[in-house]
Amino acid sequence: MEWHHHLRSALWADQITPKQVLKTSLYKLVYGKDALFSMSLEIPALQLLKSFEVAKNGPMDVRLSKIIELEEAREAVFEALQTRQLTVKNWFDNKKGSSLQFEQGDLVLNFNGRAAKLDRHAKFDGLWEGPFRVVGCKGYNSFKLKDMQGDLLTILVNGFHLEPFY
């Protein structure tokens, strides 16, 4: 398949496809109107009558009204985009802020990051070690752990690497 023959059509399709976040197409943002497809180049009778009615007001008024409509559409898209960005920001902020707080005596699993980084695991091998019991907390999110035999781990574990054990 010679993909370069289809590239122009694919780019055109991307420009005229309404984006989910913007709720409109890039083509409409730039040119202020929907793109006409080659099969729909015939202007419907209703659109033709409408254009004749608008022409009575004068070409300058028509152009100004179209510019104003386009600016309003751009402002609406900009507001929708800001709302979307705020929603995504709040989601990430809440996700970061919702790290679990463990108390002394809680049972937790510890993520084995070394095995994950060095690919020392098979597809169905677990990357979680434990269970461990929380012995104490040092600082905001660092925990001292001991295994079920009572042996204390020598290093502090970051709370982001822990999951509750049920």
Protein backbone atom coordinates (compact mmCIF):
# COMPACT_ATOMS: atom_id res chain seq x y z
CA MET A 1 0.00 0.00 0.00
CA GLU A 2 1.37 3.40 -0.91
CA TRP A 3 0.47 5.40 2.20
CA HIS A 4 1.69 8.71 0.84
CA HIS A 5 -1.23 8.74 -1.61
CA HIS A 6 -3.65 8.64 1.34
CA LEU A 7 -1.81 11.14 3.54
CA ARG A 8 -3.57 14.22 2.15
CA SER A 9 -6.99 12.65 2.69
CA ALA A 10 -6.05 11.61 6.22
CA LEU A 11 -4.86 15.11 7.12
CA TRP A 12 -8.04 16.60 5.65
CA ALA A 13 -10.16 14.17 7.66
CA ASP A 14 -8.26 15.11 10.83
CA GLN A 15 -8.86 18.84 10.22
CA ILE A 16 -12.60 18.52 9.66
CA THR A 17 -13.29 15.97 12.41
CA PRO A 18 -14.76 17.57 15.56
CA LYS A 19 -12.40 17.18 18.51
CA GLN A 20 -13.86 15.95 21.80
CA VAL A 21 -12.28 18.63 23.95
CA LEU A 22 -12.94 21.53 21.55
CA LYS A 23 -16.40 20.26 20.52
CA THR A 24 -15.71 21.57 17.02
CA SER A 25 -13.28 20.96 14.18
CA LEU A 26 -10.01 22.78 13.62
CA TYR A 27 -11.27 23.80 10.18
CA LYS A 28 -14.29 25.56 11.68
CA LEU A 29 -12.06 27.36 14.21
CA VAL A 30 -9.83 28.72 11.47
CA TYR A 31 -12.34 29.46 8.71
CA GLY A 32 -15.52 29.96 10.73
CA LYS A 33 -17.65 27.49 8.80
CA ASP A 34 -17.95 23.76 8.31
CA ALA A 35 -16.04 22.18 5.46
CA LEU A 36 -18.04 21.18 2.39
CA PHE A 37 -17.42 17.73 1.04
CA SER A 38 -17.04 17.21 -2.68
CA MET A 39 -20.35 15.33 -2.85
CA SER A 40 -22.18 18.16 -1.07
CA LEU A 41 -20.93 21.07 -3.15
CA GLU A 42 -24.44 21.78 -4.36
CA ILE A 43 -25.87 24.51 -2.22
CA PRO A 44 -29.29 23.56 -0.90
CA ALA A 45 -32.14 25.84 -1.84
CA LEU A 46 -32.66 26.99 1.73
CA GLN A 47 -29.02 28.03 2.07
CA LEU A 48 -29.20 29.86 -1.25
CA LEU A 49 -32.29 31.82 -0.18
CA LYS A 50 -30.66 32.66 3.11
CA SER A 51 -27.58 34.03 1.35
CA PHE A 52 -29.76 36.27 -0.85
CA GLU A 53 -31.53 37.67 2.21
CA VAL A 54 -28.23 38.42 3.95
CA ALA A 55 -26.84 40.09 0.83
CA LYS A 56 -29.46 42.83 1.11
CA ASN A 57 -27.74 44.15 4.22
CA GLY A 58 -24.52 44.84 2.39
CA PRO A 59 -21.30 42.89 2.09
CA MET A 60 -19.50 44.78 4.85
CA ASP A 61 -22.24 44.05 7.40
CA VAL A 62 -22.27 40.40 6.41
CA ARG A 63 -18.49 40.15 6.80
CA LEU A 64 -18.54 41.89 10.18
CA SER A 65 -21.30 39.65 11.48
CA LYS A 66 -19.37 36.57 10.34
CA ILE A 67 -16.22 37.84 12.06
CA ILE A 68 -18.17 38.44 15.27
CA GLU A 69 -19.75 34.97 15.08
CA LEU A 70 -16.33 33.41 14.50
CA GLU A 71 -14.83 35.31 17.45
CA GLU A 72 -17.71 34.18 19.70
CA ALA A 73 -17.22 30.58 18.58
CA ARG A 74 -13.50 30.81 19.32
CA GLU A 75 -14.21 32.27 22.77
CA ALA A 76 -16.68 29.45 23.51
CA VAL A 77 -14.09 26.86 22.48
CA PHE A 78 -11.43 28.60 24.58
CA GLU A 79 -13.73 28.56 27.63
CA ALA A 80 -14.54 24.87 27.06
CA LEU A 81 -10.83 24.12 26.77
CA GLN A 82 -10.07 25.98 30.01
CA THR A 83 -12.85 24.08 31.77
CA ARG A 84 -11.46 20.80 30.47
CA GLN A 85 -7.93 21.69 31.56
CA LEU A 86 -9.19 22.62 35.03
CA THR A 87 -11.07 19.31 35.27
CA VAL A 88 -7.95 17.34 34.31
CA LYS A 89 -5.80 19.40 36.72
CA ASN A 90 -8.22 18.77 39.58
CA TRP A 91 -8.28 15.07 38.78
CA PHE A 92 -4.48 14.84 38.89
CA ASP A 93 -4.25 17.02 42.01
CA ASN A 94 -6.79 14.84 43.80
CA LYS A 95 -5.00 11.71 42.67
CA LYS A 96 -1.66 12.98 43.99
CA GLY A 97 -3.17 14.23 47.22
CA SER A 98 -5.00 11.02 47.96
CA SER A 99 -1.98 8.94 48.95
CA LEU A 100 -2.99 6.46 51.59
CA GLN A 101 -2.07 7.22 55.17
CA PHE A 102 -1.06 4.09 57.02
CA GLU A 103 -1.23 3.73 60.77
CA GLN A 104 0.92 1.68 63.10
CA GLY A 105 -0.13 -1.96 62.95
CA ASP A 106 -1.60 -1.84 59.39
CA LEU A 107 -0.76 -4.69 57.04
CA VAL A 108 0.72 -3.55 53.70
CA LEU A 109 2.32 -4.89 50.54
CA ASN A 110 5.60 -3.37 49.29
CA PHE A 111 6.24 -2.84 45.57
CA ASN A 112 9.45 -4.51 44.34
CA GLY A 113 10.75 -1.76 42.05
CA ARG A 114 14.10 -3.39 41.39
CA ALA A 115 12.54 -6.46 39.80
CA ALA A 116 10.23 -4.28 37.71
CA LYS A 117 13.07 -2.07 36.42
CA LEU A 118 15.46 -4.90 35.63
CA ASP A 119 12.79 -7.10 34.04
CA ARG A 120 13.53 -9.92 36.46
CA HIS A 121 9.98 -11.13 36.39
CA ALA A 122 7.73 -13.20 34.17
CA LYS A 123 4.39 -11.99 32.92
CA PHE A 124 2.35 -13.38 35.81
CA ASP A 125 4.90 -12.96 38.58
CA GLY A 126 3.83 -10.67 41.36
CA LEU A 127 5.80 -7.48 41.88
CA TRP A 128 4.44 -7.00 45.38
CA GLU A 129 6.26 -8.35 48.43
CA GLY A 130 4.74 -8.95 51.78
CA PRO A 131 2.65 -8.68 53.79
CA PHE A 132 4.48 -6.34 56.15
CA ARG A 133 3.30 -4.63 59.31
CA VAL A 134 3.73 -0.85 59.70
CA VAL A 135 5.86 -0.20 62.78
CA GLY A 136 6.13 3.58 62.58
CA CYS A 137 6.06 6.67 60.41
CA LYS A 138 9.02 8.97 59.79
CA GLY A 139 8.23 12.29 58.13
CA TYR A 140 5.25 12.80 55.85
CA ASN A 141 5.13 9.59 53.83
CA SER A 142 7.98 7.30 54.94
CA PHE A 143 7.25 4.14 56.88
CA LYS A 144 9.23 1.65 58.91
CA LEU A 145 8.11 -1.94 58.26
CA LYS A 146 8.65 -5.40 59.72
CA ASP A 147 7.83 -8.73 58.12
CA MET A 148 5.45 -11.27 59.61
CA GLN A 149 8.32 -13.08 61.41
CA GLY A 150 9.08 -9.86 63.30
CA ASP A 151 12.29 -8.92 61.43
CA LEU A 152 12.59 -5.13 60.93
CA LEU A 153 13.40 -3.85 57.43
CA THR A 154 16.58 -1.78 57.47
CA ILE A 155 15.32 0.94 55.11
CA LEU A 156 12.36 3.30 55.22
CA VAL A 157 9.73 2.73 52.53
CA ASN A 158 7.97 5.52 50.65
CA GLY A 159 4.19 5.38 51.11
CA PHE A 160 3.66 5.54 47.34
CA HIS A 161 5.23 2.06 47.11
CA LEU A 162 2.78 0.57 49.62
CA GLU A 163 -0.70 -0.84 49.16
CA PRO A 164 -3.04 -2.00 51.90
CA PHE A 165 -3.14 -5.74 52.44
CA TYR A 166 -6.65 -7.08 53.06
